[in-house]
């Protein structure tokens, strides 16, 4: 069995595809991941936004 990898996704993305890729990797609905990202940004003085930007830079884009 091939190990799963975490990618940003073009399909279903709103900004950079980080939440769509994370939802695909965790097999969750993308709306749940997006809500958690917004809550992390609002409740933690913006640290969620910093993590999102870092993930957008670090995570490779999945080539279809």
N, C-alpha and C. Protein backbone atom coordinates (compact mmCIF):
# COMPACT_ATOMS: atom_id res chain seq x y z
N UNK A 1 0.83 -1.18 0.00
CA UNK A 1 0.00 0.00 0.00
C UNK A 1 0.88 1.25 0.00
N UNK A 2 0.59 2.15 -0.89
CA UNK A 2 1.36 3.38 -1.02
C UNK A 2 0.99 4.36 0.10
N UNK A 3 1.98 5.00 0.74
CA UNK A 3 1.66 5.96 1.81
C UNK A 3 0.96 7.19 1.23
N UNK A 4 0.01 7.70 1.99
CA UNK A 4 -0.71 8.90 1.56
C UNK A 4 0.17 10.12 1.75
N UNK A 5 -0.01 11.11 0.89
CA UNK A 5 0.75 12.34 0.98
C UNK A 5 -0.22 13.51 1.06
N UNK A 6 0.22 14.57 1.71
CA UNK A 6 -0.59 15.77 1.88
C UNK A 6 -0.25 16.76 0.77
N UNK A 7 -1.27 17.16 -0.01
CA UNK A 7 -1.10 18.09 -1.11
C UNK A 7 -2.13 19.21 -1.02
N UNK A 8 -1.83 20.34 -1.62
CA UNK A 8 -2.85 21.36 -1.89
C UNK A 8 -3.61 20.90 -3.13
N UNK A 9 -4.90 21.18 -3.18
CA UNK A 9 -5.71 20.75 -4.31
C UNK A 9 -6.23 21.94 -5.10
N UNK A 10 -6.18 21.84 -6.40
CA UNK A 10 -6.77 22.86 -7.28
C UNK A 10 -8.30 22.73 -7.31
N UNK A 11 -8.76 21.48 -7.32
CA UNK A 11 -10.20 21.23 -7.39
C UNK A 11 -10.85 21.54 -6.05
N UNK A 12 -11.82 22.43 -6.04
CA UNK A 12 -12.54 22.77 -4.82
C UNK A 12 -11.87 23.80 -3.95
N UNK A 13 -10.83 24.44 -4.44
CA UNK A 13 -10.12 25.40 -3.61
C UNK A 13 -10.85 26.74 -3.58
N UNK A 14 -10.62 27.50 -2.53
CA UNK A 14 -11.14 28.86 -2.43
C UNK A 14 -9.99 29.87 -2.50
N UNK A 15 -8.91 29.60 -1.79
CA UNK A 15 -7.75 30.48 -1.84
C UNK A 15 -6.56 29.74 -2.45
N UNK A 16 -5.89 28.97 -1.62
CA UNK A 16 -4.70 28.25 -2.10
C UNK A 16 -4.89 26.75 -2.18
N UNK A 17 -5.99 26.23 -1.69
CA UNK A 17 -6.25 24.79 -1.73
C UNK A 17 -5.75 24.03 -0.52
N UNK A 18 -5.31 24.74 0.52
CA UNK A 18 -4.79 24.08 1.71
C UNK A 18 -5.90 23.32 2.43
N UNK A 19 -7.03 23.96 2.66
CA UNK A 19 -8.14 23.31 3.37
C UNK A 19 -8.70 22.14 2.56
N UNK A 20 -8.79 22.30 1.26
CA UNK A 20 -9.29 21.21 0.41
C UNK A 20 -8.35 20.02 0.46
N UNK A 21 -7.06 20.27 0.45
CA UNK A 21 -6.08 19.19 0.53
C UNK A 21 -6.09 18.49 1.88
N UNK A 22 -6.21 19.29 2.94
CA UNK A 22 -6.26 18.72 4.29
C UNK A 22 -7.53 17.90 4.48
N UNK A 23 -8.66 18.39 3.96
CA UNK A 23 -9.91 17.64 4.06
C UNK A 23 -9.83 16.33 3.29
N UNK A 24 -9.20 16.35 2.13
CA UNK A 24 -9.02 15.13 1.34
C UNK A 24 -8.12 14.14 2.08
N UNK A 25 -7.06 14.62 2.67
CA UNK A 25 -6.12 13.77 3.40
C UNK A 25 -6.78 13.13 4.62
N UNK A 26 -7.59 13.92 5.35
CA UNK A 26 -8.24 13.43 6.56
C UNK A 26 -9.60 12.78 6.30
N UNK A 27 -10.03 12.80 5.03
CA UNK A 27 -11.31 12.24 4.63
C UNK A 27 -12.47 12.89 5.39
N UNK A 28 -12.43 14.23 5.46
CA UNK A 28 -13.47 15.03 6.10
C UNK A 28 -14.08 15.98 5.09
N UNK A 29 -15.20 16.56 5.45
CA UNK A 29 -15.83 17.57 4.61
C UNK A 29 -14.98 18.85 4.66
N UNK A 30 -14.77 19.46 3.53
CA UNK A 30 -13.93 20.65 3.45
C UNK A 30 -14.52 21.81 4.25
N UNK A 31 -15.83 21.86 4.39
CA UNK A 31 -16.47 22.93 5.16
C UNK A 31 -16.05 22.87 6.62
N UNK A 32 -15.92 21.70 7.17
CA UNK A 32 -15.48 21.54 8.56
C UNK A 32 -14.07 22.08 8.73
N UNK A 33 -13.19 21.74 7.82
CA UNK A 33 -11.81 22.21 7.88
C UNK A 33 -11.75 23.72 7.74
N UNK A 34 -12.54 24.28 6.84
CA UNK A 34 -12.55 25.74 6.66
C UNK A 34 -13.06 26.45 7.91
N UNK A 35 -14.10 25.90 8.54
CA UNK A 35 -14.62 26.50 9.78
C UNK A 35 -13.57 26.43 10.89
N UNK A 36 -12.88 25.33 11.00
CA UNK A 36 -11.81 25.22 12.00
C UNK A 36 -10.68 26.20 11.73
N UNK A 37 -10.37 26.42 10.46
CA UNK A 37 -9.31 27.39 10.11
C UNK A 37 -9.73 28.81 10.48
N UNK A 38 -10.98 29.14 10.23
CA UNK A 38 -11.48 30.48 10.59
C UNK A 38 -11.48 30.65 12.10
N UNK A 39 -11.95 29.62 12.82
CA UNK A 39 -11.96 29.70 14.29
C UNK A 39 -10.54 29.82 14.84
N UNK A 40 -9.60 29.09 14.27
CA UNK A 40 -8.21 29.18 14.72
C UNK A 40 -7.65 30.57 14.49
N UNK A 41 -8.06 31.20 13.41
CA UNK A 41 -7.58 32.55 13.11
C UNK A 41 -8.20 33.58 14.06
N UNK A 42 -9.49 33.46 14.30
CA UNK A 42 -10.19 34.44 15.14
C UNK A 42 -9.90 34.27 16.63
N UNK A 43 -9.76 33.04 17.09
CA UNK A 43 -9.62 32.77 18.52
C UNK A 43 -8.18 32.80 19.02
N UNK A 44 -7.23 32.82 18.14
CA UNK A 44 -5.84 32.72 18.60
C UNK A 44 -4.98 33.87 18.09
N UNK A 45 -5.55 35.03 18.00
CA UNK A 45 -4.81 36.24 17.60
C UNK A 45 -4.14 36.10 16.25
N UNK A 46 -4.76 35.36 15.33
CA UNK A 46 -4.24 35.28 13.97
C UNK A 46 -3.25 34.18 13.70
N UNK A 47 -2.98 33.32 14.69
CA UNK A 47 -1.99 32.26 14.47
C UNK A 47 -2.48 31.29 13.40
N UNK A 48 -3.78 31.12 13.26
CA UNK A 48 -4.33 30.25 12.22
C UNK A 48 -3.98 30.75 10.84
N UNK A 49 -3.99 32.06 10.66
CA UNK A 49 -3.63 32.65 9.37
C UNK A 49 -2.15 32.41 9.06
N UNK A 50 -1.33 32.50 10.07
CA UNK A 50 0.11 32.26 9.88
C UNK A 50 0.34 30.80 9.47
N UNK A 51 -0.35 29.87 10.14
CA UNK A 51 -0.23 28.46 9.78
C UNK A 51 -0.74 28.20 8.38
N UNK A 52 -1.84 28.87 7.98
CA UNK A 52 -2.39 28.69 6.64
C UNK A 52 -1.38 29.16 5.58
N UNK A 53 -0.80 30.32 5.80
CA UNK A 53 0.18 30.85 4.84
C UNK A 53 1.40 29.93 4.77
N UNK A 54 1.86 29.45 5.92
CA UNK A 54 3.00 28.54 5.93
C UNK A 54 2.67 27.24 5.18
N UNK A 55 1.47 26.72 5.40
CA UNK A 55 1.06 25.49 4.71
C UNK A 55 0.95 25.73 3.21
N UNK A 56 0.46 26.90 2.80
CA UNK A 56 0.34 27.21 1.38
C UNK A 56 1.71 27.27 0.71
N UNK A 57 2.73 27.68 1.45
CA UNK A 57 4.08 27.76 0.90
C UNK A 57 4.75 26.38 0.91
N UNK A 58 4.53 25.60 1.97
CA UNK A 58 5.24 24.34 2.14
C UNK A 58 4.61 23.19 1.38
N UNK A 59 3.28 23.09 1.39
CA UNK A 59 2.59 21.95 0.77
C UNK A 59 2.70 22.00 -0.75
N UNK A 60 3.08 20.90 -1.38
CA UNK A 60 3.14 20.90 -2.84
C UNK A 60 1.74 20.83 -3.44
N UNK A 61 1.61 21.35 -4.64
CA UNK A 61 0.36 21.32 -5.39
C UNK A 61 0.23 19.97 -6.06
N UNK A 62 -0.91 19.32 -5.92
CA UNK A 62 -1.11 18.01 -6.54
C UNK A 62 -1.26 18.17 -8.03
N UNK A 63 -0.43 17.47 -8.78
CA UNK A 63 -0.48 17.50 -10.24
C UNK A 63 -1.49 16.45 -10.70
N UNK A 64 -2.46 16.89 -11.47
CA UNK A 64 -3.52 15.98 -11.93
C UNK A 64 -3.14 15.32 -13.22
